[in-house]
Amino acid sequence: MTLTAVNPDLHKTTETEIAIRGALISRASATVLMASNMNSHNSFDQPDAVKPATLAASVKGDLVIVSIPPASVIKLEIILG
């Protein structure tokens, strides 16, 4: 299962708990897309100004817990079973 989440706040991290009721969660992983400056963008001169990075995600029972950094987008992969 893949989910996408956004934190539009420019200054605060969002602590998120996602409940998957009726399923056993084996593991979860997250990838974040963000930059140190909200207006950063990739260009020919700076092709890696914004690039994906690994983000910690933990599993506690039927919850996936992840902290989404300010001004970022994450892809969360949840493995069931």
Protein backbone atom coordinates (compact mmCIF):
# COMPACT_ATOMS: atom_id res chain seq x y z
CA MET A 1 0.00 0.00 0.00
CA THR A 2 1.37 3.42 -0.94
CA LEU A 3 0.17 6.71 0.52
CA THR A 4 1.19 10.30 -0.14
CA ALA A 5 1.09 13.07 2.46
CA VAL A 6 1.95 16.77 2.43
CA ASN A 7 2.98 19.16 5.18
CA PRO A 8 2.28 22.66 3.83
CA ASP A 9 3.40 24.38 7.06
CA LEU A 10 6.60 26.32 6.39
CA HIS A 11 7.94 26.01 9.96
CA LYS A 12 6.47 23.08 11.90
CA THR A 13 6.96 19.35 11.60
CA THR A 14 3.70 17.38 11.55
CA GLU A 15 3.59 14.25 13.72
CA THR A 16 1.31 11.78 11.95
CA GLU A 17 -0.24 8.46 12.98
CA ILE A 18 -1.94 6.43 10.27
CA ALA A 19 -4.22 3.62 11.45
CA ILE A 20 -4.61 0.53 9.27
CA ARG A 21 -7.57 -1.24 10.86
CA GLY A 22 -8.06 -4.96 10.29
CA ALA A 23 -4.63 -5.60 8.77
CA LEU A 24 -1.26 -6.71 10.08
CA ILE A 25 1.50 -4.24 9.23
CA SER A 26 4.85 -5.92 8.54
CA ARG A 27 6.87 -2.75 8.01
CA ALA A 28 6.71 0.80 6.72
CA SER A 29 9.18 3.06 4.94
CA ALA A 30 9.00 6.66 3.78
CA THR A 31 10.64 8.86 1.18
CA VAL A 32 10.57 12.65 1.54
CA LEU A 33 10.93 15.36 -1.08
CA MET A 34 12.04 18.69 0.36
CA ALA A 35 14.75 21.34 0.29
CA SER A 36 16.25 23.78 2.78
CA ASN A 37 14.60 26.68 0.93
CA MET A 38 10.91 26.58 0.02
CA ASN A 39 11.68 28.17 -3.37
CA SER A 40 14.43 25.72 -4.32
CA HIS A 41 14.13 23.96 -7.65
CA ASN A 42 16.27 21.78 -9.84
CA SER A 43 18.02 23.36 -12.80
CA PHE A 44 20.82 22.49 -15.19
CA ASP A 45 23.25 24.32 -12.88
CA GLN A 46 21.85 22.69 -9.70
CA PRO A 47 20.27 19.37 -10.73
CA ASP A 48 20.11 18.05 -7.14
CA ALA A 49 18.73 21.07 -5.27
CA VAL A 50 15.57 19.07 -4.52
CA LYS A 51 15.91 15.30 -4.34
CA PRO A 52 14.25 12.37 -2.55
CA ALA A 53 15.65 11.18 0.79
CA THR A 54 14.81 8.41 3.22
CA LEU A 55 12.56 9.35 6.14
CA ALA A 56 12.02 7.26 9.28
CA ALA A 57 8.65 5.56 9.73
CA SER A 58 7.80 3.24 12.60
CA VAL A 59 5.10 0.65 13.21
CA LYS A 60 3.31 0.18 16.54
CA GLY A 61 0.48 -2.34 16.30
CA ASP A 62 -1.94 -1.09 13.65
CA LEU A 63 -0.34 2.39 13.50
CA VAL A 64 2.31 3.79 11.19
CA ILE A 65 4.01 6.78 12.79
CA VAL A 66 5.94 9.36 10.78
CA SER A 67 7.13 12.94 11.34
CA ILE A 68 6.61 14.99 8.19
CA PRO A 69 9.12 17.88 7.91
CA PRO A 70 7.96 21.42 7.12
CA ALA A 71 7.15 22.22 3.48
CA SER A 72 7.56 18.66 2.25
CA VAL A 73 5.84 15.80 0.47
CA ILE A 74 6.27 12.18 1.51
CA LYS A 75 5.57 8.82 -0.05
CA LEU A 76 4.79 6.19 2.55
CA GLU A 77 5.02 2.50 1.70
CA ILE A 78 3.22 0.16 4.05
CA ILE A 79 3.82 -3.57 3.72
CA LEU A 80 0.95 -5.72 5.01
CA GLY A 81 1.06 -9.35 6.02
